PDB file of all heavy atoms in Angstrom:
ATOM      1  N   VAL A   1       2.112  15.721   4.017  1.00  0.00           N
ATOM      2  CA  VAL A   1       1.855  14.313   3.755  1.00  0.00           C
ATOM      3  C   VAL A   1       1.044  13.711   4.894  1.00  0.00           C
ATOM      4  O   VAL A   1       1.249  14.022   6.064  1.00  0.00           O
ATOM      5  CB  VAL A   1       3.152  13.501   3.543  1.00  0.00           C
ATOM      6  CG1 VAL A   1       3.876  13.972   2.299  1.00  0.00           C
ATOM      7  CG2 VAL A   1       4.068  13.597   4.745  1.00  0.00           C
ATOM      8  N   GLU A   2       0.121  12.843   4.511  1.00  0.00           N
ATOM      9  CA  GLU A   2      -0.704  12.129   5.479  1.00  0.00           C
ATOM     10  C   GLU A   2      -0.563  10.625   5.332  1.00  0.00           C
ATOM     11  O   GLU A   2      -1.028   9.874   6.186  1.00  0.00           O
ATOM     12  CB  GLU A   2      -2.174  12.519   5.293  1.00  0.00           C
ATOM     13  CG  GLU A   2      -2.449  13.990   5.536  1.00  0.00           C
ATOM     14  CD  GLU A   2      -3.876  14.373   5.221  1.00  0.00           C
ATOM     15  OE1 GLU A   2      -4.363  14.005   4.129  1.00  0.00           O
ATOM     16  OE2 GLU A   2      -4.504  15.019   6.067  1.00  0.00           O
ATOM     17  N   SER A   3       0.057  10.185   4.248  1.00  0.00           N
ATOM     18  CA  SER A   3       0.218   8.753   4.013  1.00  0.00           C
ATOM     19  C   SER A   3       1.514   8.505   3.256  1.00  0.00           C
ATOM     20  O   SER A   3       2.068   9.413   2.617  1.00  0.00           O
ATOM     21  CB  SER A   3      -0.960   8.202   3.205  1.00  0.00           C
ATOM     22  OG  SER A   3      -0.895   8.674   1.867  1.00  0.00           O
ATOM     23  N   GLY A   4       1.966   7.254   3.345  1.00  0.00           N
ATOM     24  CA  GLY A   4       3.154   6.878   2.588  1.00  0.00           C
ATOM     25  C   GLY A   4       2.936   7.056   1.097  1.00  0.00           C
ATOM     26  O   GLY A   4       3.868   7.357   0.343  1.00  0.00           O
ATOM     27  N   ALA A   5       1.697   6.876   0.652  1.00  0.00           N
ATOM     28  CA  ALA A   5       1.389   7.044  -0.769  1.00  0.00           C
ATOM     29  C   ALA A   5       1.668   8.468  -1.235  1.00  0.00           C
ATOM     30  O   ALA A   5       2.080   8.684  -2.380  1.00  0.00           O
ATOM     31  CB  ALA A   5      -0.071   6.678  -1.026  1.00  0.00           C
ATOM     32  N   ASP A   6       1.452   9.453  -0.353  1.00  0.00           N
ATOM     33  CA  ASP A   6       1.732  10.846  -0.713  1.00  0.00           C
ATOM     34  C   ASP A   6       3.195  11.024  -1.099  1.00  0.00           C
ATOM     35  O   ASP A   6       3.524  11.746  -2.048  1.00  0.00           O
ATOM     36  CB  ASP A   6       1.401  11.772   0.456  1.00  0.00           C
ATOM     37  CG  ASP A   6      -0.074  11.826   0.778  1.00  0.00           C
ATOM     38  OD1 ASP A   6      -0.882  11.517  -0.119  1.00  0.00           O
ATOM     39  OD2 ASP A   6      -0.417  12.167   1.917  1.00  0.00           O
ATOM     40  N   ILE A   7       4.089  10.374  -0.348  1.00  0.00           N
ATOM     41  CA  ILE A   7       5.520  10.491  -0.623  1.00  0.00           C
ATOM     42  C   ILE A   7       5.884   9.729  -1.893  1.00  0.00           C
ATOM     43  O   ILE A   7       6.604  10.230  -2.768  1.00  0.00           O
ATOM     44  CB  ILE A   7       6.336   9.970   0.567  1.00  0.00           C
ATOM     45  CG1 ILE A   7       6.109  10.858   1.795  1.00  0.00           C
ATOM     46  CG2 ILE A   7       7.829   9.915   0.231  1.00  0.00           C
ATOM     47  CD1 ILE A   7       6.754  10.354   3.057  1.00  0.00           C
ATOM     48  N   LEU A   8       5.376   8.505  -2.015  1.00  0.00           N
ATOM     49  CA  LEU A   8       5.725   7.689  -3.174  1.00  0.00           C
ATOM     50  C   LEU A   8       5.237   8.313  -4.469  1.00  0.00           C
ATOM     51  O   LEU A   8       5.894   8.197  -5.504  1.00  0.00           O
ATOM     52  CB  LEU A   8       5.141   6.285  -3.009  1.00  0.00           C
ATOM     53  CG  LEU A   8       5.795   5.447  -1.901  1.00  0.00           C
ATOM     54  CD1 LEU A   8       5.084   4.112  -1.762  1.00  0.00           C
ATOM     55  CD2 LEU A   8       7.275   5.230  -2.178  1.00  0.00           C
ATOM     56  N   GLU A   9       4.108   9.004  -4.433  1.00  0.00           N
ATOM     57  CA  GLU A   9       3.618   9.678  -5.635  1.00  0.00           C
ATOM     58  C   GLU A   9       4.588  10.769  -6.087  1.00  0.00           C
ATOM     59  O   GLU A   9       4.850  10.936  -7.279  1.00  0.00           O
ATOM     60  CB  GLU A   9       2.239  10.285  -5.372  1.00  0.00           C
ATOM     61  CG  GLU A   9       1.123   9.258  -5.317  1.00  0.00           C
ATOM     62  CD  GLU A   9      -0.195   9.854  -4.850  1.00  0.00           C
ATOM     63  OE1 GLU A   9      -0.254  11.098  -4.723  1.00  0.00           O
ATOM     64  OE2 GLU A   9      -1.143   9.088  -4.617  1.00  0.00           O
ATOM     65  N   GLU A  10       5.118  11.521  -5.123  1.00  0.00           N
ATOM     66  CA  GLU A  10       6.054  12.591  -5.455  1.00  0.00           C
ATOM     67  C   GLU A  10       7.364  12.033  -6.010  1.00  0.00           C
ATOM     68  O   GLU A  10       8.004  12.621  -6.877  1.00  0.00           O
ATOM     69  CB  GLU A  10       6.345  13.443  -4.222  1.00  0.00           C
ATOM     70  CG  GLU A  10       5.190  14.308  -3.770  1.00  0.00           C
ATOM     71  CD  GLU A  10       4.876  15.419  -4.765  1.00  0.00           C
ATOM     72  OE1 GLU A  10       5.779  15.837  -5.504  1.00  0.00           O
ATOM     73  OE2 GLU A  10       3.712  15.855  -4.794  1.00  0.00           O
ATOM     74  N   LEU A  11       7.777  10.884  -5.477  1.00  0.00           N
ATOM     75  CA  LEU A  11       9.061  10.308  -5.865  1.00  0.00           C
ATOM     76  C   LEU A  11       8.884   9.153  -6.846  1.00  0.00           C
ATOM     77  O   LEU A  11       9.796   8.360  -7.033  1.00  0.00           O
ATOM     78  CB  LEU A  11       9.803   9.813  -4.620  1.00  0.00           C
ATOM     79  CG  LEU A  11      10.091  10.882  -3.554  1.00  0.00           C
ATOM     80  CD1 LEU A  11      10.786  10.248  -2.352  1.00  0.00           C
ATOM     81  CD2 LEU A  11      10.937  12.008  -4.115  1.00  0.00           C
ATOM     82  N   GLN A  12       7.716   9.076  -7.479  1.00  0.00           N
ATOM     83  CA  GLN A  12       7.390   7.923  -8.310  1.00  0.00           C
ATOM     84  C   GLN A  12       8.425   7.682  -9.404  1.00  0.00           C
ATOM     85  O   GLN A  12       8.792   6.546  -9.688  1.00  0.00           O
ATOM     86  CB  GLN A  12       6.006   8.117  -8.943  1.00  0.00           C
ATOM     87  CG  GLN A  12       5.497   6.897  -9.696  1.00  0.00           C
ATOM     88  CD  GLN A  12       4.064   7.097 -10.164  1.00  0.00           C
ATOM     89  OE1 GLN A  12       3.531   8.199 -10.075  1.00  0.00           O
ATOM     90  NE2 GLN A  12       3.443   6.040 -10.664  1.00  0.00           N
ATOM     91  N   ALA A  13       8.892   8.741 -10.013  1.00  0.00           N
ATOM     92  CA  ALA A  13       9.849   8.576 -11.101  1.00  0.00           C
ATOM     93  C   ALA A  13      11.165   7.994 -10.624  1.00  0.00           C
ATOM     94  O   ALA A  13      11.912   7.399 -11.406  1.00  0.00           O
ATOM     95  CB  ALA A  13      10.103   9.916 -11.783  1.00  0.00           C
ATOM     96  N   LEU A  14      11.451   8.178  -9.321  1.00  0.00           N
ATOM     97  CA  LEU A  14      12.711   7.686  -8.772  1.00  0.00           C
ATOM     98  C   LEU A  14      12.540   6.368  -8.039  1.00  0.00           C
ATOM     99  O   LEU A  14      13.508   5.777  -7.595  1.00  0.00           O
ATOM    100  CB  LEU A  14      13.276   8.715  -7.785  1.00  0.00           C
ATOM    101  CG  LEU A  14      13.486  10.119  -8.345  1.00  0.00           C
ATOM    102  CD1 LEU A  14      13.922  11.054  -7.234  1.00  0.00           C
ATOM    103  CD2 LEU A  14      14.529  10.089  -9.449  1.00  0.00           C
ATOM    104  N   SER A  15      11.303   5.895  -7.909  1.00  0.00           N
ATOM    105  CA  SER A  15      11.016   4.724  -7.082  1.00  0.00           C
ATOM    106  C   SER A  15      11.569   3.467  -7.715  1.00  0.00           C
ATOM    107  O   SER A  15      11.404   3.234  -8.914  1.00  0.00           O
ATOM    108  CB  SER A  15       9.514   4.561  -6.881  1.00  0.00           C
ATOM    109  OG  SER A  15       9.218   3.432  -6.114  1.00  0.00           O
ATOM    110  N   PRO A  16      12.229   2.607  -6.922  1.00  0.00           N
ATOM    111  CA  PRO A  16      12.725   1.347  -7.444  1.00  0.00           C
ATOM    112  C   PRO A  16      11.571   0.403  -7.733  1.00  0.00           C
ATOM    113  O   PRO A  16      10.508   0.495  -7.137  1.00  0.00           O
ATOM    114  CB  PRO A  16      13.592   0.799  -6.304  1.00  0.00           C
ATOM    115  CG  PRO A  16      13.006   1.399  -5.079  1.00  0.00           C
ATOM    116  CD  PRO A  16      12.511   2.762  -5.490  1.00  0.00           C
ATOM    117  N   THR A  17      11.771  -0.507  -8.688  1.00  0.00           N
ATOM    118  CA  THR A  17      10.776  -1.533  -8.949  1.00  0.00           C
ATOM    119  C   THR A  17      10.765  -2.513  -7.801  1.00  0.00           C
ATOM    120  O   THR A  17      11.804  -3.087  -7.467  1.00  0.00           O
ATOM    121  CB  THR A  17      11.110  -2.277 -10.260  1.00  0.00           C
ATOM    122  OG1 THR A  17      11.149  -1.329 -11.321  1.00  0.00           O
ATOM    123  CG2 THR A  17      10.061  -3.332 -10.555  1.00  0.00           C
ATOM    124  N   PRO A  18       9.621  -2.736  -7.152  1.00  0.00           N
ATOM    125  CA  PRO A  18       9.599  -3.644  -6.012  1.00  0.00           C
ATOM    126  C   PRO A  18       9.992  -5.053  -6.400  1.00  0.00           C
ATOM    127  O   PRO A  18       9.614  -5.550  -7.461  1.00  0.00           O
ATOM    128  CB  PRO A  18       8.131  -3.594  -5.541  1.00  0.00           C
ATOM    129  CG  PRO A  18       7.587  -2.325  -6.110  1.00  0.00           C
ATOM    130  CD  PRO A  18       8.317  -2.117  -7.390  1.00  0.00           C
ATOM    131  N   SER A  19      10.781  -5.675  -5.551  1.00  0.00           N
ATOM    132  CA  SER A  19      11.134  -7.069  -5.749  1.00  0.00           C
ATOM    133  C   SER A  19       9.951  -7.923  -5.351  1.00  0.00           C
ATOM    134  O   SER A  19       9.006  -7.449  -4.708  1.00  0.00           O
ATOM    135  CB  SER A  19      12.337  -7.423  -4.873  1.00  0.00           C
ATOM    136  OG  SER A  19      11.971  -7.339  -3.510  1.00  0.00           O
ATOM    137  N   PRO A  20       9.928  -9.242  -5.688  1.00  0.00           N
ATOM    138  CA  PRO A  20       8.833 -10.092  -5.241  1.00  0.00           C
ATOM    139  C   PRO A  20       8.653 -10.054  -3.734  1.00  0.00           C
ATOM    140  O   PRO A  20       7.545 -10.104  -3.240  1.00  0.00           O
ATOM    141  CB  PRO A  20       9.263 -11.483  -5.730  1.00  0.00           C
ATOM    142  CG  PRO A  20      10.109 -11.204  -6.926  1.00  0.00           C
ATOM    143  CD  PRO A  20      10.840  -9.926  -6.603  1.00  0.00           C
ATOM    144  N   GLN A  21       9.758  -9.946  -2.987  1.00  0.00           N
ATOM    145  CA  GLN A  21       9.653  -9.900  -1.530  1.00  0.00           C
ATOM    146  C   GLN A  21       8.876  -8.658  -1.094  1.00  0.00           C
ATOM    147  O   GLN A  21       8.058  -8.705  -0.177  1.00  0.00           O
ATOM    148  CB  GLN A  21      11.053  -9.877  -0.908  1.00  0.00           C
ATOM    149  CG  GLN A  21      11.028  -9.815   0.614  1.00  0.00           C
ATOM    150  CD  GLN A  21      12.421  -9.713   1.185  1.00  0.00           C
ATOM    151  OE1 GLN A  21      13.399  -9.569   0.464  1.00  0.00           O
ATOM    152  NE2 GLN A  21      12.521  -9.791   2.492  1.00  0.00           N
ATOM    153  N   VAL A  22       9.125  -7.531  -1.773  1.00  0.00           N
ATOM    154  CA  VAL A  22       8.413  -6.307  -1.435  1.00  0.00           C
ATOM    155  C   VAL A  22       6.955  -6.406  -1.861  1.00  0.00           C
ATOM    156  O   VAL A  22       6.050  -6.084  -1.110  1.00  0.00           O
ATOM    157  CB  VAL A  22       9.075  -5.091  -2.125  1.00  0.00           C
ATOM    158  CG1 VAL A  22       8.272  -3.834  -1.860  1.00  0.00           C
ATOM    159  CG2 VAL A  22      10.503  -4.930  -1.643  1.00  0.00           C
ATOM    160  N   ALA A  23       6.730  -6.900  -3.094  1.00  0.00           N
ATOM    161  CA  ALA A  23       5.373  -6.948  -3.616  1.00  0.00           C
ATOM    162  C   ALA A  23       4.479  -7.823  -2.755  1.00  0.00           C
ATOM    163  O   ALA A  23       3.287  -7.565  -2.616  1.00  0.00           O
ATOM    164  CB  ALA A  23       5.387  -7.469  -5.055  1.00  0.00           C
ATOM    165  N   ASN A  24       5.018  -8.853  -2.157  1.00  0.00           N
ATOM    166  CA  ASN A  24       4.213  -9.757  -1.343  1.00  0.00           C
ATOM    167  C   ASN A  24       3.692  -9.103  -0.084  1.00  0.00           C
ATOM    168  O   ASN A  24       2.790  -9.642   0.568  1.00  0.00           O
ATOM    169  CB  ASN A  24       5.025 -11.002  -0.975  1.00  0.00           C
ATOM    170  CG  ASN A  24       5.202 -11.924  -2.169  1.00  0.00           C
ATOM    171  OD1 ASN A  24       4.452 -11.848  -3.133  1.00  0.00           O
ATOM    172  ND2 ASN A  24       6.206 -12.782  -2.115  1.00  0.00           N
ATOM    173  N   THR A  25       4.255  -7.983   0.317  1.00  0.00           N
ATOM    174  CA  THR A  25       3.793  -7.325   1.540  1.00  0.00           C
ATOM    175  C   THR A  25       2.737  -6.258   1.252  1.00  0.00           C
ATOM    176  O   THR A  25       2.230  -5.644   2.163  1.00  0.00           O
ATOM    177  CB  THR A  25       4.973  -6.647   2.264  1.00  0.00           C
ATOM    178  OG1 THR A  25       5.468  -5.589   1.455  1.00  0.00           O
ATOM    179  CG2 THR A  25       6.086  -7.626   2.552  1.00  0.00           C
ATOM    180  N   THR A  26       2.424  -6.022  -0.030  1.00  0.00           N
ATOM    181  CA  THR A  26       1.461  -4.989  -0.378  1.00  0.00           C
ATOM    182  C   THR A  26       0.059  -5.383   0.082  1.00  0.00           C
ATOM    183  O   THR A  26      -0.378  -6.515  -0.090  1.00  0.00           O
ATOM    184  CB  THR A  26       1.476  -4.770  -1.903  1.00  0.00           C
ATOM    185  OG1 THR A  26       2.791  -4.424  -2.299  1.00  0.00           O
ATOM    186  CG2 THR A  26       0.527  -3.649  -2.291  1.00  0.00           C
ATOM    187  N   VAL A  27      -0.669  -4.438   0.636  1.00  0.00           N
ATOM    188  CA  VAL A  27      -2.028  -4.704   1.094  1.00  0.00           C
ATOM    189  C   VAL A  27      -2.926  -4.946  -0.110  1.00  0.00           C
ATOM    190  O   VAL A  27      -2.929  -4.170  -1.050  1.00  0.00           O
ATOM    191  CB  VAL A  27      -2.568  -3.526   1.919  1.00  0.00           C
ATOM    192  CG1 VAL A  27      -4.021  -3.764   2.311  1.00  0.00           C
ATOM    193  CG2 VAL A  27      -1.720  -3.331   3.140  1.00  0.00           C
ATOM    194  N   ARG A  28      -3.732  -6.002  -0.068  1.00  0.00           N
ATOM    195  CA  ARG A  28      -4.648  -6.329  -1.160  1.00  0.00           C
ATOM    196  C   ARG A  28      -6.084  -6.128  -0.696  1.00  0.00           C
ATOM    197  O   ARG A  28      -6.379  -6.006   0.483  1.00  0.00           O
ATOM    198  CB  ARG A  28      -4.423  -7.779  -1.602  1.00  0.00           C
ATOM    199  CG  ARG A  28      -3.023  -8.050  -2.141  1.00  0.00           C
ATOM    200  CD  ARG A  28      -2.915  -9.483  -2.601  1.00  0.00           C
ATOM    201  NE  ARG A  28      -3.062 -10.405  -1.492  1.00  0.00           N
ATOM    202  CZ  ARG A  28      -2.065 -10.791  -0.699  1.00  0.00           C
ATOM    203  NH1 ARG A  28      -0.857 -10.323  -0.902  1.00  0.00           N
ATOM    204  NH2 ARG A  28      -2.266 -11.646   0.287  1.00  0.00           N
ATOM    205  N   ASP A  29      -7.024  -6.154  -1.662  1.00  0.00           N
ATOM    206  CA  ASP A  29      -8.433  -5.970  -1.313  1.00  0.00           C
ATOM    207  C   ASP A  29      -8.919  -7.040  -0.354  1.00  0.00           C
ATOM    208  O   ASP A  29      -9.823  -6.818   0.441  1.00  0.00           O
ATOM    209  CB  ASP A  29      -9.288  -5.977  -2.587  1.00  0.00           C
ATOM    210  CG  ASP A  29      -9.081  -4.706  -3.401  1.00  0.00           C
ATOM    211  OD1 ASP A  29      -8.584  -3.729  -2.810  1.00  0.00           O
ATOM    212  OD2 ASP A  29      -9.408  -4.704  -4.584  1.00  0.00           O
ATOM    213  N   GLY A  30      -8.299  -8.219  -0.416  1.00  0.00           N
ATOM    214  CA  GLY A  30      -8.743  -9.307   0.442  1.00  0.00           C
ATOM    215  C   GLY A  30      -8.057  -9.344   1.789  1.00  0.00           C
ATOM    216  O   GLY A  30      -8.136 -10.344   2.502  1.00  0.00           O
ATOM    217  N   ASP A  31      -7.355  -8.273   2.147  1.00  0.00           N
ATOM    218  CA  ASP A  31      -6.654  -8.233   3.430  1.00  0.00           C
ATOM    219  C   ASP A  31      -7.625  -8.527   4.571  1.00  0.00           C
ATOM    220  O   ASP A  31      -8.718  -7.967   4.636  1.00  0.00           O
ATOM    221  CB  ASP A  31      -6.031  -6.848   3.612  1.00  0.00           C
ATOM    222  CG  ASP A  31      -5.207  -6.766   4.880  1.00  0.00           C
ATOM    223  OD1 ASP A  31      -5.814  -6.569   5.945  1.00  0.00           O
ATOM    224  OD2 ASP A  31      -3.982  -6.899   4.796  1.00  0.00           O
ATOM    225  N   ALA A  32      -7.202  -9.384   5.521  1.00  0.00           N
ATOM    226  CA  ALA A  32      -8.098  -9.819   6.598  1.00  0.00           C
ATOM    227  C   ALA A  32      -8.556  -8.653   7.468  1.00  0.00           C
ATOM    228  O   ALA A  32      -9.707  -8.623   7.923  1.00  0.00           O
ATOM    229  CB  ALA A  32      -7.399 -10.880   7.446  1.00  0.00           C
ATOM    230  N   VAL A  33      -7.682  -7.680   7.716  1.00  0.00           N
ATOM    231  CA  VAL A  33      -8.063  -6.547   8.558  1.00  0.00           C
ATOM    232  C   VAL A  33      -9.078  -5.676   7.834  1.00  0.00           C
ATOM    233  O   VAL A  33     -10.051  -5.187   8.432  1.00  0.00           O
ATOM    234  CB  VAL A  33      -6.823  -5.730   8.974  1.00  0.00           C
ATOM    235  CG1 VAL A  33      -7.230  -4.513   9.782  1.00  0.00           C
ATOM    236  CG2 VAL A  33      -5.867  -6.597   9.775  1.00  0.00           C
ATOM    237  N   LEU A  34      -8.886  -5.459   6.537  1.00  0.00           N
ATOM    238  CA  LEU A  34      -9.864  -4.688   5.779  1.00  0.00           C
ATOM    239  C   LEU A  34     -11.216  -5.393   5.777  1.00  0.00           C
ATOM    240  O   LEU A  34     -12.267  -4.758   5.913  1.00  0.00           O
ATOM    241  CB  LEU A  34      -9.375  -4.486   4.341  1.00  0.00           C
ATOM    242  CG  LEU A  34      -8.252  -3.464   4.131  1.00  0.00           C
ATOM    243  CD1 LEU A  34      -7.787  -3.498   2.685  1.00  0.00           C
ATOM    244  CD2 LEU A  34      -8.701  -2.073   4.518  1.00  0.00           C
ATOM    245  N   ASP A  35     -11.190  -6.705   5.631  1.00  0.00           N
ATOM    246  CA  ASP A  35     -12.444  -7.451   5.661  1.00  0.00           C
ATOM    247  C   ASP A  35     -13.140  -7.297   7.006  1.00  0.00           C
ATOM    248  O   ASP A  35     -14.365  -7.130   7.083  1.00  0.00           O
ATOM    249  CB  ASP A  35     -12.187  -8.936   5.383  1.00  0.00           C
ATOM    250  CG  ASP A  35     -11.771  -9.188   3.933  1.00  0.00           C
ATOM    251  OD1 ASP A  35     -12.030  -8.303   3.088  1.00  0.00           O
ATOM    252  OD2 ASP A  35     -11.187 -10.244   3.660  1.00  0.00           O
ATOM    253  N   ALA A  36     -12.337  -7.349   8.091  1.00  0.00           N
ATOM    254  CA  ALA A  36     -12.914  -7.237   9.432  1.00  0.00           C
ATOM    255  C   ALA A  36     -13.464  -5.837   9.692  1.00  0.00           C
ATOM    256  O   ALA A  36     -14.419  -5.669  10.453  1.00  0.00           O
ATOM    257  CB  ALA A  36     -11.860  -7.599  10.478  1.00  0.00           C
ATOM    258  N   LEU A  37     -12.891  -4.829   9.066  1.00  0.00           N
ATOM    259  CA  LEU A  37     -13.370  -3.464   9.257  1.00  0.00           C
ATOM    260  C   LEU A  37     -14.781  -3.274   8.706  1.00  0.00           C
ATOM    261  O   LEU A  37     -15.573  -2.504   9.254  1.00  0.00           O
ATOM    262  CB  LEU A  37     -12.428  -2.468   8.558  1.00  0.00           C
ATOM    263  CG  LEU A  37     -11.199  -2.016   9.342  1.00  0.00           C
ATOM    264  CD1 LEU A  37     -10.204  -1.348   8.400  1.00  0.00           C
ATOM    265  CD2 LEU A  37     -11.589  -1.061  10.448  1.00  0.00           C
ATOM    266  N   GLY A  38     -15.086  -3.956   7.630  1.00  0.00           N
ATOM    267  CA  GLY A  38     -16.365  -3.683   6.975  1.00  0.00           C
ATOM    268  C   GLY A  38     -16.340  -2.277   6.398  1.00  0.00           C
ATOM    269  O   GLY A  38     -15.304  -1.797   5.928  1.00  0.00           O
ATOM    270  N   HIS A  39     -17.477  -1.580   6.492  1.00  0.00           N
ATOM    271  CA  HIS A  39     -17.533  -0.224   5.926  1.00  0.00           C
ATOM    272  C   HIS A  39     -18.070   0.797   6.925  1.00  0.00           C
ATOM    273  O   HIS A  39     -18.292   1.952   6.562  1.00  0.00           O
ATOM    274  CB  HIS A  39     -18.379  -0.222   4.652  1.00  0.00           C
ATOM    275  CG  HIS A  39     -17.749  -0.986   3.531  1.00  0.00           C
ATOM    276  ND1 HIS A  39     -16.773  -0.462   2.707  1.00  0.00           N
ATOM    277  CD2 HIS A  39     -17.917  -2.271   3.137  1.00  0.00           C
ATOM    278  CE1 HIS A  39     -16.390  -1.370   1.835  1.00  0.00           C
ATOM    279  NE2 HIS A  39     -17.074  -2.472   2.063  1.00  0.00           N
ATOM    280  N   ASP A  40     -18.284   0.382   8.161  1.00  0.00           N
ATOM    281  CA  ASP A  40     -18.753   1.290   9.202  1.00  0.00           C
ATOM    282  C   ASP A  40     -17.645   1.540  10.215  1.00  0.00           C
ATOM    283  O   ASP A  40     -16.745   0.702  10.400  1.00  0.00           O
ATOM    284  CB  ASP A  40     -19.977   0.707   9.919  1.00  0.00           C
ATOM    285  CG  ASP A  40     -21.185   0.595   8.995  1.00  0.00           C
ATOM    286  OD1 ASP A  40     -21.381   1.526   8.185  1.00  0.00           O
ATOM    287  OD2 ASP A  40     -21.906  -0.421   9.087  1.00  0.00           O
ATOM    288  N   PRO A  41     -17.656   2.695  10.916  1.00  0.00           N
ATOM    289  CA  PRO A  41     -16.650   2.956  11.941  1.00  0.00           C
ATOM    290  C   PRO A  41     -16.644   1.851  12.993  1.00  0.00           C
ATOM    291  O   PRO A  41     -17.697   1.322  13.368  1.00  0.00           O
ATOM    292  CB  PRO A  41     -17.099   4.293  12.537  1.00  0.00           C
ATOM    293  CG  PRO A  41     -17.887   4.939  11.450  1.00  0.00           C
ATOM    294  CD  PRO A  41     -18.594   3.823  10.754  1.00  0.00           C
TER     295      PRO A  41
END
């Protein structure tokens, strides 16, 4: 595994449905850090 997504994919069938509190912490396309990164190193 290299990311948390690798684990969640394997355990997807057992994964609990995220509560609103959990869902609010999910990274979105408009995340400020992603925006600041741009697309270059």
